[in-house]
Amino acid sequence: MKKNKTQQDDTTTRGTEEERGMMAITRALSDPSRVAILRHIASRENASCMDLRECLSINPATLSHHMRQLESAGLIETHRDGKLVRAEIRRKVWKNYLASLKDLV
């Protein structure tokens, strides 16, 4: 029996989980501010949001938006340390993303 368009397999309409994750990361990195934030986080063991705001001259609401996008894509983890929110890069996710890009060529 032939499937109609509404009955198509999820893997053909949405891609695999790996492809969806790769697209989410690519979307997150499409904004230069998020790339700068990720670069700053990656250069430290863990970076506080206060430090990010000071170094990047970004207001708290904008930083919060960008951090949510990076966290949603799986690139960073955040955790509270008293009053501070700290972020660290998820290096395994980043390395897998780079390997996936390398496999494209």
C-alpha atoms as a PDB file:
ATOM      1  CA  MET A   1       0.000   0.000   0.000  1.00  0.00           C
ATOM      2  CA  LYS A   2       1.362   3.390  -1.034  1.00  0.00           C
ATOM      3  CA  LYS A   3       1.694   6.158   1.588  1.00  0.00           C
ATOM      4  CA  ASN A   4       0.271   9.567   0.860  1.00  0.00           C
ATOM      5  CA  LYS A   5       2.136  12.742   1.810  1.00  0.00           C
ATOM      6  CA  THR A   6       0.567  12.955   5.270  1.00  0.00           C
ATOM      7  CA  GLN A   7       1.618   9.383   6.035  1.00  0.00           C
ATOM      8  CA  GLN A   8       5.273   9.697   4.977  1.00  0.00           C
ATOM      9  CA  ASP A   9       7.946   8.356   7.261  1.00  0.00           C
ATOM     10  CA  ASP A  10       9.344  10.941   9.723  1.00  0.00           C
ATOM     11  CA  THR A  11      12.891  10.342   8.510  1.00  0.00           C
ATOM     12  CA  THR A  12      12.020  11.512   5.006  1.00  0.00           C
ATOM     13  CA  THR A  13      10.085  14.588   6.043  1.00  0.00           C
ATOM     14  CA  ARG A  14      12.184  15.754   8.970  1.00  0.00           C
ATOM     15  CA  GLY A  15      15.524  14.057   8.539  1.00  0.00           C
ATOM     16  CA  THR A  16      17.272  11.907  11.074  1.00  0.00           C
ATOM     17  CA  GLU A  17      17.826  13.028  14.627  1.00  0.00           C
ATOM     18  CA  GLU A  18      21.465  13.696  13.787  1.00  0.00           C
ATOM     19  CA  GLU A  19      20.491  15.862  10.800  1.00  0.00           C
ATOM     20  CA  ARG A  20      17.987  17.827  12.897  1.00  0.00           C
ATOM     21  CA  GLY A  21      20.660  18.420  15.539  1.00  0.00           C
ATOM     22  CA  MET A  22      23.108  19.564  12.903  1.00  0.00           C
ATOM     23  CA  MET A  23      20.544  21.981  11.454  1.00  0.00           C
ATOM     24  CA  ALA A  24      19.780  23.371  14.928  1.00  0.00           C
ATOM     25  CA  ILE A  25      23.460  24.049  15.544  1.00  0.00           C
ATOM     26  CA  THR A  26      23.862  25.625  12.108  1.00  0.00           C
ATOM     27  CA  ARG A  27      20.887  27.914  12.769  1.00  0.00           C
ATOM     28  CA  ALA A  28      22.275  28.856  16.183  1.00  0.00           C
ATOM     29  CA  LEU A  29      25.635  29.735  14.630  1.00  0.00           C
ATOM     30  CA  SER A  30      24.077  31.830  11.869  1.00  0.00           C
ATOM     31  CA  ASP A  31      24.154  34.889  14.140  1.00  0.00           C
ATOM     32  CA  PRO A  32      27.565  36.564  14.588  1.00  0.00           C
ATOM     33  CA  SER A  33      26.730  37.498  18.197  1.00  0.00           C
ATOM     34  CA  ARG A  34      26.128  33.863  19.087  1.00  0.00           C
ATOM     35  CA  VAL A  35      29.409  32.861  17.447  1.00  0.00           C
ATOM     36  CA  ALA A  36      31.205  35.489  19.557  1.00  0.00           C
ATOM     37  CA  ILE A  37      29.455  34.252  22.708  1.00  0.00           C
ATOM     38  CA  LEU A  38      30.319  30.625  21.943  1.00  0.00           C
ATOM     39  CA  ARG A  39      33.931  31.555  21.193  1.00  0.00           C
ATOM     40  CA  HIS A  40      34.177  33.363  24.543  1.00  0.00           C
ATOM     41  CA  ILE A  41      32.628  30.436  26.434  1.00  0.00           C
ATOM     42  CA  ALA A  42      34.901  27.935  24.688  1.00  0.00           C
ATOM     43  CA  SER A  43      38.007  29.901  25.639  1.00  0.00           C
ATOM     44  CA  ARG A  44      37.304  29.345  29.348  1.00  0.00           C
ATOM     45  CA  GLU A  45      36.508  26.371  31.522  1.00  0.00           C
ATOM     46  CA  ASN A  46      33.219  28.045  32.363  1.00  0.00           C
ATOM     47  CA  ALA A  47      32.149  31.626  31.796  1.00  0.00           C
ATOM     48  CA  SER A  48      29.698  33.662  33.831  1.00  0.00           C
ATOM     49  CA  CYS A  49      26.975  35.627  32.093  1.00  0.00           C
ATOM     50  CA  MET A  50      28.204  38.746  33.874  1.00  0.00           C
ATOM     51  CA  ASP A  51      31.631  38.229  32.308  1.00  0.00           C
ATOM     52  CA  LEU A  52      30.041  37.704  28.894  1.00  0.00           C
ATOM     53  CA  ARG A  53      28.016  40.925  29.183  1.00  0.00           C
ATOM     54  CA  GLU A  54      31.092  42.925  30.134  1.00  0.00           C
ATOM     55  CA  CYS A  55      33.421  41.475  27.490  1.00  0.00           C
ATOM     56  CA  LEU A  56      30.926  41.580  24.641  1.00  0.00           C
ATOM     57  CA  SER A  57      29.088  44.816  25.554  1.00  0.00           C
ATOM     58  CA  ILE A  58      25.689  43.165  25.276  1.00  0.00           C
ATOM     59  CA  ASN A  59      22.569  43.893  27.301  1.00  0.00           C
ATOM     60  CA  PRO A  60      21.168  41.191  29.612  1.00  0.00           C
ATOM     61  CA  ALA A  61      17.982  40.505  27.608  1.00  0.00           C
ATOM     62  CA  THR A  62      19.874  40.046  24.351  1.00  0.00           C
ATOM     63  CA  LEU A  63      22.475  37.833  26.009  1.00  0.00           C
ATOM     64  CA  SER A  64      19.722  35.724  27.563  1.00  0.00           C
ATOM     65  CA  HIS A  65      18.076  35.259  24.156  1.00  0.00           C
ATOM     66  CA  HIS A  66      21.347  34.186  22.526  1.00  0.00           C
ATOM     67  CA  MET A  67      22.225  31.860  25.405  1.00  0.00           C
ATOM     68  CA  ARG A  68      18.826  30.143  25.104  1.00  0.00           C
ATOM     69  CA  GLN A  69      19.424  29.603  21.390  1.00  0.00           C
ATOM     70  CA  LEU A  70      22.865  28.087  22.000  1.00  0.00           C
ATOM     71  CA  GLU A  71      21.548  25.900  24.816  1.00  0.00           C
ATOM     72  CA  SER A  72      18.547  24.795  22.771  1.00  0.00           C
ATOM     73  CA  ALA A  73      20.893  23.726  19.973  1.00  0.00           C
ATOM     74  CA  GLY A  74      22.838  21.672  22.503  1.00  0.00           C
ATOM     75  CA  LEU A  75      26.069  23.654  22.180  1.00  0.00           C
ATOM     76  CA  ILE A  76      26.284  24.882  25.780  1.00  0.00           C
ATOM     77  CA  GLU A  77      25.165  23.933  29.264  1.00  0.00           C
ATOM     78  CA  THR A  78      24.327  26.495  31.913  1.00  0.00           C
ATOM     79  CA  HIS A  79      24.203  26.132  35.677  1.00  0.00           C
ATOM     80  CA  ARG A  80      23.754  28.409  38.669  1.00  0.00           C
ATOM     81  CA  ASP A  81      26.657  29.209  40.947  1.00  0.00           C
ATOM     82  CA  GLY A  82      25.129  31.316  43.708  1.00  0.00           C
ATOM     83  CA  LYS A  83      23.880  34.465  41.994  1.00  0.00           C
ATOM     84  CA  LEU A  84      25.874  33.805  38.842  1.00  0.00           C
ATOM     85  CA  VAL A  85      24.840  31.776  35.837  1.00  0.00           C
ATOM     86  CA  ARG A  86      27.783  29.967  34.310  1.00  0.00           C
ATOM     87  CA  ALA A  87      28.025  28.435  30.866  1.00  0.00           C
ATOM     88  CA  GLU A  88      30.328  25.852  29.368  1.00  0.00           C
ATOM     89  CA  ILE A  89      30.632  24.474  25.882  1.00  0.00           C
ATOM     90  CA  ARG A  90      29.573  20.884  25.273  1.00  0.00           C
ATOM     91  CA  ARG A  91      32.794  19.848  23.541  1.00  0.00           C
ATOM     92  CA  LYS A  92      31.557  16.428  22.467  1.00  0.00           C
ATOM     93  CA  VAL A  93      28.580  17.999  20.666  1.00  0.00           C
ATOM     94  CA  TRP A  94      30.886  20.558  19.045  1.00  0.00           C
ATOM     95  CA  LYS A  95      33.357  17.869  17.898  1.00  0.00           C
ATOM     96  CA  ASN A  96      30.524  15.743  16.482  1.00  0.00           C
ATOM     97  CA  TYR A  97      29.191  18.787  14.605  1.00  0.00           C
ATOM     98  CA  LEU A  98      32.611  19.496  13.106  1.00  0.00           C
ATOM     99  CA  ALA A  99      32.993  15.840  12.118  1.00  0.00           C
ATOM    100  CA  SER A 100      29.586  15.943  10.412  1.00  0.00           C
ATOM    101  CA  LEU A 101      30.636  19.029   8.463  1.00  0.00           C
ATOM    102  CA  LYS A 102      33.862  17.319   7.450  1.00  0.00           C
ATOM    103  CA  ASP A 103      31.869  14.332   6.173  1.00  0.00           C
ATOM    104  CA  LEU A 104      29.970  16.631   3.796  1.00  0.00           C
ATOM    105  CA  VAL A 105      33.003  17.135   1.568  1.00  0.00           C
END
